[in-house]
Full PDB file with SEQRES, HELIX, SHEET, SSBOND, CRYST1, ORIGX, SCALE, CONECT and MASTER records, all heavy atoms in Angstrom:
SEQRES   1 A   31  ALA ASP ASP ASP GLY ASN ARG SER GLU GLY ASP ALA TRP          
SEQRES   2 A   31  PHE SER SER SER GLU ASN CYS PHE VAL HIS SER PRO ASP          
SEQRES   3 A   31  LYS LEU ALA VAL VAL                                          
SHEET    1 AA1 2 ARG A   7  TRP A  13  0                                        
SHEET    2 AA1 2 PHE A  21  VAL A  30  1                                        
CRYST1    1.000    1.000    1.000  90.00  90.00  90.00 P 1           1          
ORIGX1      1.000000  0.000000  0.000000        0.00000                         
ORIGX2      0.000000  1.000000  0.000000        0.00000                         
ORIGX3      0.000000  0.000000  1.000000        0.00000                         
SCALE1      1.000000  0.000000  0.000000        0.00000                         
SCALE2      0.000000  1.000000  0.000000        0.00000                         
SCALE3      0.000000  0.000000  1.000000        0.00000                         
ATOM      1  N   ALA A   1      63.653-210.362 -33.566  1.00  0.00           N  
ATOM      2  CA  ALA A   1      62.582-210.670 -34.510  1.00  0.00           C  
ATOM      3  C   ALA A   1      62.940-210.166 -35.911  1.00  0.00           C  
ATOM      4  O   ALA A   1      63.636-209.151 -36.067  1.00  0.00           O  
ATOM      5  CB  ALA A   1      61.266-210.033 -34.048  1.00  0.00           C  
ATOM      6  N   ASP A   2      62.434-210.883 -36.925  1.00  0.00           N  
ATOM      7  CA  ASP A   2      62.578-210.377 -38.295  1.00  0.00           C  
ATOM      8  C   ASP A   2      61.442-209.390 -38.598  1.00  0.00           C  
ATOM      9  O   ASP A   2      60.660-209.038 -37.698  1.00  0.00           O  
ATOM     10  CB  ASP A   2      62.631-211.538 -39.306  1.00  0.00           C  
ATOM     11  CG  ASP A   2      61.319-212.331 -39.375  1.00  0.00           C  
ATOM     12  OD1 ASP A   2      60.271-211.854 -38.874  1.00  0.00           O  
ATOM     13  OD2 ASP A   2      61.341-213.456 -39.938  1.00  0.00           O  
ATOM     14  N   ASP A   3      61.327-208.957 -39.828  1.00  0.00           N  
ATOM     15  CA  ASP A   3      60.330-207.948 -40.176  1.00  0.00           C  
ATOM     16  C   ASP A   3      58.904-208.449 -39.985  1.00  0.00           C  
ATOM     17  O   ASP A   3      57.964-207.631 -39.873  1.00  0.00           O  
ATOM     18  CB  ASP A   3      60.520-207.503 -41.628  1.00  0.00           C  
ATOM     19  CG  ASP A   3      61.823-206.720 -41.817  1.00  0.00           C  
ATOM     20  OD1 ASP A   3      62.353-206.221 -40.809  1.00  0.00           O  
ATOM     21  OD2 ASP A   3      62.303-206.638 -42.972  1.00  0.00           O  
ATOM     22  N   ASP A   4      58.703-209.762 -39.961  1.00  0.00           N  
ATOM     23  CA  ASP A   4      57.363-210.325 -39.773  1.00  0.00           C  
ATOM     24  C   ASP A   4      57.108-210.790 -38.341  1.00  0.00           C  
ATOM     25  O   ASP A   4      56.123-211.483 -38.083  1.00  0.00           O  
ATOM     26  CB  ASP A   4      57.153-211.501 -40.746  1.00  0.00           C  
ATOM     27  CG  ASP A   4      57.168-211.048 -42.187  1.00  0.00           C  
ATOM     28  OD1 ASP A   4      56.509-210.049 -42.501  1.00  0.00           O  
ATOM     29  OD2 ASP A   4      57.856-211.696 -43.016  1.00  0.00           O  
ATOM     30  N   GLY A   5      58.027-210.446 -37.440  1.00  0.00           N  
ATOM     31  CA  GLY A   5      57.847-210.831 -36.053  1.00  0.00           C  
ATOM     32  C   GLY A   5      58.269-212.251 -35.729  1.00  0.00           C  
ATOM     33  O   GLY A   5      58.012-212.725 -34.626  1.00  0.00           O  
ATOM     34  N   ASN A   6      58.896-212.941 -36.677  1.00  0.00           N  
ATOM     35  CA  ASN A   6      59.346-214.314 -36.444  1.00  0.00           C  
ATOM     36  C   ASN A   6      60.682-214.302 -35.693  1.00  0.00           C  
ATOM     37  O   ASN A   6      61.561-213.487 -35.963  1.00  0.00           O  
ATOM     38  CB  ASN A   6      59.496-215.061 -37.756  1.00  0.00           C  
ATOM     39  CG  ASN A   6      58.179-215.188 -38.498  1.00  0.00           C  
ATOM     40  OD1 ASN A   6      57.184-215.648 -37.947  1.00  0.00           O  
ATOM     41  ND2 ASN A   6      58.163-214.747 -39.752  1.00  0.00           N  
ATOM     42  N   ARG A   7      60.853-215.267 -34.811  1.00  0.00           N  
ATOM     43  CA  ARG A   7      62.082-215.388 -34.032  1.00  0.00           C  
ATOM     44  C   ARG A   7      62.519-216.845 -34.073  1.00  0.00           C  
ATOM     45  O   ARG A   7      61.684-217.756 -34.208  1.00  0.00           O  
ATOM     46  CB  ARG A   7      61.846-214.945 -32.585  1.00  0.00           C  
ATOM     47  CG  ARG A   7      61.271-213.540 -32.445  1.00  0.00           C  
ATOM     48  CD  ARG A   7      60.807-213.270 -31.028  1.00  0.00           C  
ATOM     49  NE  ARG A   7      60.082-212.026 -30.915  1.00  0.00           N  
ATOM     50  CZ  ARG A   7      60.615-210.863 -30.522  1.00  0.00           C  
ATOM     51  NH1 ARG A   7      61.907-210.812 -30.217  1.00  0.00           N  
ATOM     52  NH2 ARG A   7      59.875-209.769 -30.454  1.00  0.00           N  
ATOM     53  N   SER A   8      63.818-217.054 -33.917  1.00  0.00           N  
ATOM     54  CA  SER A   8      64.297-218.436 -33.986  1.00  0.00           C  
ATOM     55  C   SER A   8      65.583-218.621 -33.191  1.00  0.00           C  
ATOM     56  O   SER A   8      66.313-217.669 -32.919  1.00  0.00           O  
ATOM     57  CB  SER A   8      64.541-218.858 -35.439  1.00  0.00           C  
ATOM     58  OG  SER A   8      65.580-218.081 -36.016  1.00  0.00           O  
ATOM     59  N   GLU A   9      65.812-219.879 -32.838  1.00  0.00           N  
ATOM     60  CA  GLU A   9      67.077-220.315 -32.245  1.00  0.00           C  
ATOM     61  C   GLU A   9      67.474-221.585 -32.983  1.00  0.00           C  
ATOM     62  O   GLU A   9      66.779-222.592 -32.921  1.00  0.00           O  
ATOM     63  CB  GLU A   9      66.886-220.589 -30.749  1.00  0.00           C  
ATOM     64  CG  GLU A   9      68.178-220.973 -30.054  1.00  0.00           C  
ATOM     65  CD  GLU A   9      67.971-221.151 -28.556  1.00  0.00           C  
ATOM     66  OE1 GLU A   9      66.822-221.321 -28.119  1.00  0.00           O  
ATOM     67  OE2 GLU A   9      68.990-221.114 -27.832  1.00  0.00           O  
ATOM     68  N   GLY A  10      68.550-221.515 -33.750  1.00  0.00           N  
ATOM     69  CA  GLY A  10      68.929-222.640 -34.574  1.00  0.00           C  
ATOM     70  C   GLY A  10      68.720-222.312 -36.043  1.00  0.00           C  
ATOM     71  O   GLY A  10      68.865-221.175 -36.474  1.00  0.00           O  
ATOM     72  N   ASP A  11      68.335-223.325 -36.809  1.00  0.00           N  
ATOM     73  CA  ASP A  11      68.216-223.191 -38.262  1.00  0.00           C  
ATOM     74  C   ASP A  11      66.738-223.192 -38.652  1.00  0.00           C  
ATOM     75  O   ASP A  11      66.096-224.243 -38.700  1.00  0.00           O  
ATOM     76  CB  ASP A  11      68.942-224.358 -38.940  1.00  0.00           C  
ATOM     77  CG  ASP A  11      69.167-224.112 -40.431  1.00  0.00           C  
ATOM     78  OD1 ASP A  11      68.775-223.036 -40.917  1.00  0.00           O  
ATOM     79  OD2 ASP A  11      69.738-224.986 -41.084  1.00  0.00           O  
ATOM     80  N   ALA A  12      66.181-222.017 -38.903  1.00  0.00           N  
ATOM     81  CA  ALA A  12      64.756-221.888 -39.253  1.00  0.00           C  
ATOM     82  C   ALA A  12      64.592-221.092 -40.527  1.00  0.00           C  
ATOM     83  O   ALA A  12      65.353-220.163 -40.816  1.00  0.00           O  
ATOM     84  CB  ALA A  12      63.986-221.230 -38.116  1.00  0.00           C  
ATOM     85  N   TRP A  13      63.573-221.460 -41.302  1.00  0.00           N  
ATOM     86  CA  TRP A  13      63.246-220.771 -42.552  1.00  0.00           C  
ATOM     87  C   TRP A  13      61.753-220.451 -42.512  1.00  0.00           C  
ATOM     88  O   TRP A  13      60.919-221.344 -42.432  1.00  0.00           O  
ATOM     89  CB  TRP A  13      63.547-221.665 -43.753  1.00  0.00           C  
ATOM     90  CG  TRP A  13      63.404-220.978 -45.073  1.00  0.00           C  
ATOM     91  CD1 TRP A  13      62.236-220.775 -45.754  1.00  0.00           C  
ATOM     92  CD2 TRP A  13      64.439-220.393 -45.866  1.00  0.00           C  
ATOM     93  NE1 TRP A  13      62.474-220.095 -46.916  1.00  0.00           N  
ATOM     94  CE2 TRP A  13      63.820-219.855 -47.010  1.00  0.00           C  
ATOM     95  CE3 TRP A  13      65.814-220.281 -45.707  1.00  0.00           C  
ATOM     96  CZ2 TRP A  13      64.554-219.206 -48.005  1.00  0.00           C  
ATOM     97  CZ3 TRP A  13      66.528-219.639 -46.697  1.00  0.00           C  
ATOM     98  CH2 TRP A  13      65.899-219.108 -47.833  1.00  0.00           C  
ATOM     99  N   PHE A  14      61.443-219.161 -42.530  1.00  0.00           N  
ATOM    100  CA  PHE A  14      60.038-218.727 -42.465  1.00  0.00           C  
ATOM    101  C   PHE A  14      59.575-218.285 -43.838  1.00  0.00           C  
ATOM    102  O   PHE A  14      60.275-217.525 -44.520  1.00  0.00           O  
ATOM    103  CB  PHE A  14      59.897-217.578 -41.468  1.00  0.00           C  
ATOM    104  CG  PHE A  14      60.261-217.938 -40.048  1.00  0.00           C  
ATOM    105  CD1 PHE A  14      61.509-217.606 -39.523  1.00  0.00           C  
ATOM    106  CD2 PHE A  14      59.366-218.635 -39.247  1.00  0.00           C  
ATOM    107  CE1 PHE A  14      61.856-217.948 -38.232  1.00  0.00           C  
ATOM    108  CE2 PHE A  14      59.700-218.974 -37.943  1.00  0.00           C  
ATOM    109  CZ  PHE A  14      60.946-218.637 -37.433  1.00  0.00           C  
ATOM    110  N   SER A  15      58.398-218.727 -44.221  1.00  0.00           N  
ATOM    111  CA  SER A  15      57.812-218.324 -45.503  1.00  0.00           C  
ATOM    112  C   SER A  15      56.324-218.050 -45.294  1.00  0.00           C  
ATOM    113  O   SER A  15      55.580-218.908 -44.783  1.00  0.00           O  
ATOM    114  CB  SER A  15      57.978-219.438 -46.553  1.00  0.00           C  
ATOM    115  OG  SER A  15      57.419-219.067 -47.786  1.00  0.00           O  
ATOM    116  N   SER A  16      55.894-216.821 -45.614  1.00  0.00           N  
ATOM    117  CA  SER A  16      54.487-216.425 -45.457  1.00  0.00           C  
ATOM    118  C   SER A  16      54.005-216.697 -44.046  1.00  0.00           C  
ATOM    119  O   SER A  16      52.884-217.170 -43.829  1.00  0.00           O  
ATOM    120  CB  SER A  16      53.594-217.152 -46.475  1.00  0.00           C  
ATOM    121  OG  SER A  16      54.017-216.877 -47.799  1.00  0.00           O  
ATOM    122  N   SER A  17      54.860-216.421 -43.055  1.00  0.00           N  
ATOM    123  CA  SER A  17      54.516-216.688 -41.653  1.00  0.00           C  
ATOM    124  C   SER A  17      54.773-215.438 -40.822  1.00  0.00           C  
ATOM    125  O   SER A  17      55.637-214.631 -41.150  1.00  0.00           O  
ATOM    126  CB  SER A  17      55.346-217.849 -41.113  1.00  0.00           C  
ATOM    127  OG  SER A  17      55.057-219.041 -41.811  1.00  0.00           O  
ATOM    128  N   GLU A  18      54.007-215.330 -39.705  1.00  0.00           N  
ATOM    129  CA  GLU A  18      54.111-214.162 -38.850  1.00  0.00           C  
ATOM    130  C   GLU A  18      54.114-214.567 -37.386  1.00  0.00           C  
ATOM    131  O   GLU A  18      53.406-215.493 -36.986  1.00  0.00           O  
ATOM    132  CB  GLU A  18      52.932-213.198 -39.080  1.00  0.00           C  
ATOM    133  CG  GLU A  18      52.823-212.617 -40.476  1.00  0.00           C  
ATOM    134  CD  GLU A  18      51.594-211.738 -40.626  1.00  0.00           C  
ATOM    135  OE1 GLU A  18      51.004-211.381 -39.589  1.00  0.00           O  
ATOM    136  OE2 GLU A  18      51.230-211.430 -41.773  1.00  0.00           O  
ATOM    137  N   ASN A  19      54.945-213.863 -36.612  1.00  0.00           N  
ATOM    138  CA  ASN A  19      54.942-213.977 -35.152  1.00  0.00           C  
ATOM    139  C   ASN A  19      55.121-215.427 -34.685  1.00  0.00           C  
ATOM    140  O   ASN A  19      54.489-215.863 -33.717  1.00  0.00           O  
ATOM    141  CB  ASN A  19      53.656-213.389 -34.565  1.00  0.00           C  
ATOM    142  CG  ASN A  19      53.496-211.917 -34.890  1.00  0.00           C  
ATOM    143  OD1 ASN A  19      54.470-211.169 -34.890  1.00  0.00           O  
ATOM    144  ND2 ASN A  19      52.270-211.508 -35.195  1.00  0.00           N  
ATOM    145  N   CYS A  20      55.990-216.160 -35.349  1.00  0.00           N  
ATOM    146  CA  CYS A  20      56.272-217.535 -34.960  1.00  0.00           C  
ATOM    147  C   CYS A  20      57.626-217.614 -34.252  1.00  0.00           C  
ATOM    148  O   CYS A  20      58.501-216.755 -34.440  1.00  0.00           O  
ATOM    149  CB  CYS A  20      56.276-218.454 -36.179  1.00  0.00           C  
ATOM    150  SG  CYS A  20      54.677-218.561 -37.018  1.00  0.00           S  
ATOM    151  N   PHE A  21      57.793-218.668 -33.465  1.00  0.00           N  
ATOM    152  CA  PHE A  21      59.087-218.943 -32.827  1.00  0.00           C  
ATOM    153  C   PHE A  21      59.462-220.392 -33.088  1.00  0.00           C  
ATOM    154  O   PHE A  21      58.649-221.304 -32.926  1.00  0.00           O  
ATOM    155  CB  PHE A  21      59.044-218.691 -31.329  1.00  0.00           C  
ATOM    156  CG  PHE A  21      60.311-219.127 -30.617  1.00  0.00           C  
ATOM    157  CD1 PHE A  21      61.492-218.441 -30.799  1.00  0.00           C  
ATOM    158  CD2 PHE A  21      60.318-220.244 -29.788  1.00  0.00           C  
ATOM    159  CE1 PHE A  21      62.673-218.846 -30.167  1.00  0.00           C  
ATOM    160  CE2 PHE A  21      61.480-220.656 -29.144  1.00  0.00           C  
ATOM    161  CZ  PHE A  21      62.660-219.959 -29.334  1.00  0.00           C  
ATOM    162  N   VAL A  22      60.737-220.605 -33.479  1.00  0.00           N  
ATOM    163  CA  VAL A  22      61.234-221.944 -33.742  1.00  0.00           C  
ATOM    164  C   VAL A  22      62.520-222.164 -32.961  1.00  0.00           C  
ATOM    165  O   VAL A  22      63.445-221.349 -33.022  1.00  0.00           O  
ATOM    166  CB  VAL A  22      61.501-222.157 -35.247  1.00  0.00           C  
ATOM    167  CG1 VAL A  22      62.234-223.471 -35.488  1.00  0.00           C  
ATOM    168  CG2 VAL A  22      60.197-222.153 -36.023  1.00  0.00           C  
ATOM    169  N   HIS A  23      62.579-223.276 -32.229  1.00  0.00           N  
ATOM    170  CA  HIS A  23      63.821-223.758 -31.623  1.00  0.00           C  
ATOM    171  C   HIS A  23      64.180-225.057 -32.345  1.00  0.00           C  
ATOM    172  O   HIS A  23      63.502-226.070 -32.207  1.00  0.00           O  
ATOM    173  CB  HIS A  23      63.625-224.028 -30.121  1.00  0.00           C  
ATOM    174  CG  HIS A  23      64.781-224.745 -29.500  1.00  0.00           C  
ATOM    175  ND1 HIS A  23      65.850-224.085 -28.947  1.00  0.00           N  
ATOM    176  CD2 HIS A  23      65.034-226.065 -29.330  1.00  0.00           C  
ATOM    177  CE1 HIS A  23      66.712-224.982 -28.481  1.00  0.00           C  
ATOM    178  NE2 HIS A  23      66.232-226.193 -28.692  1.00  0.00           N  
ATOM    179  N   SER A  24      65.236-224.984 -33.164  1.00  0.00           N  
ATOM    180  CA  SER A  24      65.639-226.155 -33.951  1.00  0.00           C  
ATOM    181  C   SER A  24      67.148-226.125 -34.149  1.00  0.00           C  
ATOM    182  O   SER A  24      67.645-225.771 -35.212  1.00  0.00           O  
ATOM    183  CB  SER A  24      64.918-226.168 -35.314  1.00  0.00           C  
ATOM    184  OG  SER A  24      65.270-227.314 -36.044  1.00  0.00           O  
ATOM    185  N   PRO A  25      67.911-226.523 -33.134  1.00  0.00           N  
ATOM    186  CA  PRO A  25      69.366-226.411 -33.220  1.00  0.00           C  
ATOM    187  C   PRO A  25      70.036-227.466 -34.092  1.00  0.00           C  
ATOM    188  O   PRO A  25      71.178-227.282 -34.506  1.00  0.00           O  
ATOM    189  CB  PRO A  25      69.802-226.570 -31.755  1.00  0.00           C  
ATOM    190  CG  PRO A  25      68.726-227.378 -31.118  1.00  0.00           C  
ATOM    191  CD  PRO A  25      67.461-226.972 -31.794  1.00  0.00           C  
ATOM    192  N   ASP A  26      69.331-228.574 -34.409  1.00  0.00           N  
ATOM    193  CA  ASP A  26      69.991-229.694 -35.069  1.00  0.00           C  
ATOM    194  C   ASP A  26      69.574-229.919 -36.511  1.00  0.00           C  
ATOM    195  O   ASP A  26      70.187-230.718 -37.207  1.00  0.00           O  
ATOM    196  CB  ASP A  26      69.741-230.991 -34.271  1.00  0.00           C  
ATOM    197  CG  ASP A  26      70.294-230.906 -32.873  1.00  0.00           C  
ATOM    198  OD1 ASP A  26      71.423-230.413 -32.708  1.00  0.00           O  
ATOM    199  OD2 ASP A  26      69.591-231.323 -31.914  1.00  0.00           O  
ATOM    200  N   LYS A  27      68.501-229.277 -36.959  1.00  0.00           N  
ATOM    201  CA  LYS A  27      68.070-229.498 -38.329  1.00  0.00           C  
ATOM    202  C   LYS A  27      67.327-228.276 -38.848  1.00  0.00           C  
ATOM    203  O   LYS A  27      66.852-227.436 -38.047  1.00  0.00           O  
ATOM    204  CB  LYS A  27      67.188-230.737 -38.432  1.00  0.00           C  
ATOM    205  CG  LYS A  27      65.870-230.641 -37.678  1.00  0.00           C  
ATOM    206  CD  LYS A  27      64.981-231.846 -37.916  1.00  0.00           C  
ATOM    207  CE  LYS A  27      65.483-233.079 -37.251  1.00  0.00           C  
ATOM    208  NZ  LYS A  27      65.267-233.054 -35.780  1.00  0.00           N  
ATOM    209  N   LEU A  28      67.218-228.148 -40.154  1.00  0.00           N  
ATOM    210  CA  LEU A  28      66.458-227.066 -40.748  1.00  0.00           C  
ATOM    211  C   LEU A  28      64.965-227.261 -40.478  1.00  0.00           C  
ATOM    212  O   LEU A  28      64.406-228.340 -40.722  1.00  0.00           O  
ATOM    213  CB  LEU A  28      66.691-227.024 -42.256  1.00  0.00           C  
ATOM    214  CG  LEU A  28      65.813-226.062 -43.067  1.00  0.00           C  
ATOM    215  CD1 LEU A  28      66.102-224.611 -42.656  1.00  0.00           C  
ATOM    216  CD2 LEU A  28      66.041-226.255 -44.561  1.00  0.00           C  
ATOM    217  N   ALA A  29      64.317-226.231 -39.956  1.00  0.00           N  
ATOM    218  CA  ALA A  29      62.876-226.247 -39.745  1.00  0.00           C  
ATOM    219  C   ALA A  29      62.246-225.180 -40.644  1.00  0.00           C  
ATOM    220  O   ALA A  29      62.604-224.009 -40.566  1.00  0.00           O  
ATOM    221  CB  ALA A  29      62.535-225.957 -38.274  1.00  0.00           C  
ATOM    222  N   VAL A  30      61.336-225.577 -41.510  1.00  0.00           N  
ATOM    223  CA  VAL A  30      60.653-224.670 -42.419  1.00  0.00           C  
ATOM    224  C   VAL A  30      59.238-224.454 -41.901  1.00  0.00           C  
ATOM    225  O   VAL A  30      58.485-225.391 -41.664  1.00  0.00           O  
ATOM    226  CB  VAL A  30      60.601-225.239 -43.849  1.00  0.00           C  
ATOM    227  CG1 VAL A  30      59.820-224.308 -44.771  1.00  0.00           C  
ATOM    228  CG2 VAL A  30      62.010-225.467 -44.376  1.00  0.00           C  
ATOM    229  N   VAL A  31      58.874-223.193 -41.706  1.00  0.00           N  
ATOM    230  CA  VAL A  31      57.531-222.821 -41.266  1.00  0.00           C  
ATOM    231  C   VAL A  31      56.859-222.077 -42.392  1.00  0.00           C  
ATOM    232  O   VAL A  31      57.282-220.983 -42.775  1.00  0.00           O  
ATOM    233  CB  VAL A  31      57.587-221.969 -39.982  1.00  0.00           C  
ATOM    234  CG1 VAL A  31      56.187-221.591 -39.530  1.00  0.00           C  
ATOM    235  CG2 VAL A  31      58.316-222.729 -38.861  1.00  0.00           C  
TER     236      VAL A  31                                                      
MASTER        0    0    0    0    2    0    0    6  235    1    0    3          
END                                                                             
């Protein structure tokens, strides 16, 4: 997890988000 509790597998970009999970191996996912 990052400092905001976000976790990812693949290419993810978190902005002003908390405790999220993203699985995006093929494209950039912005939350």
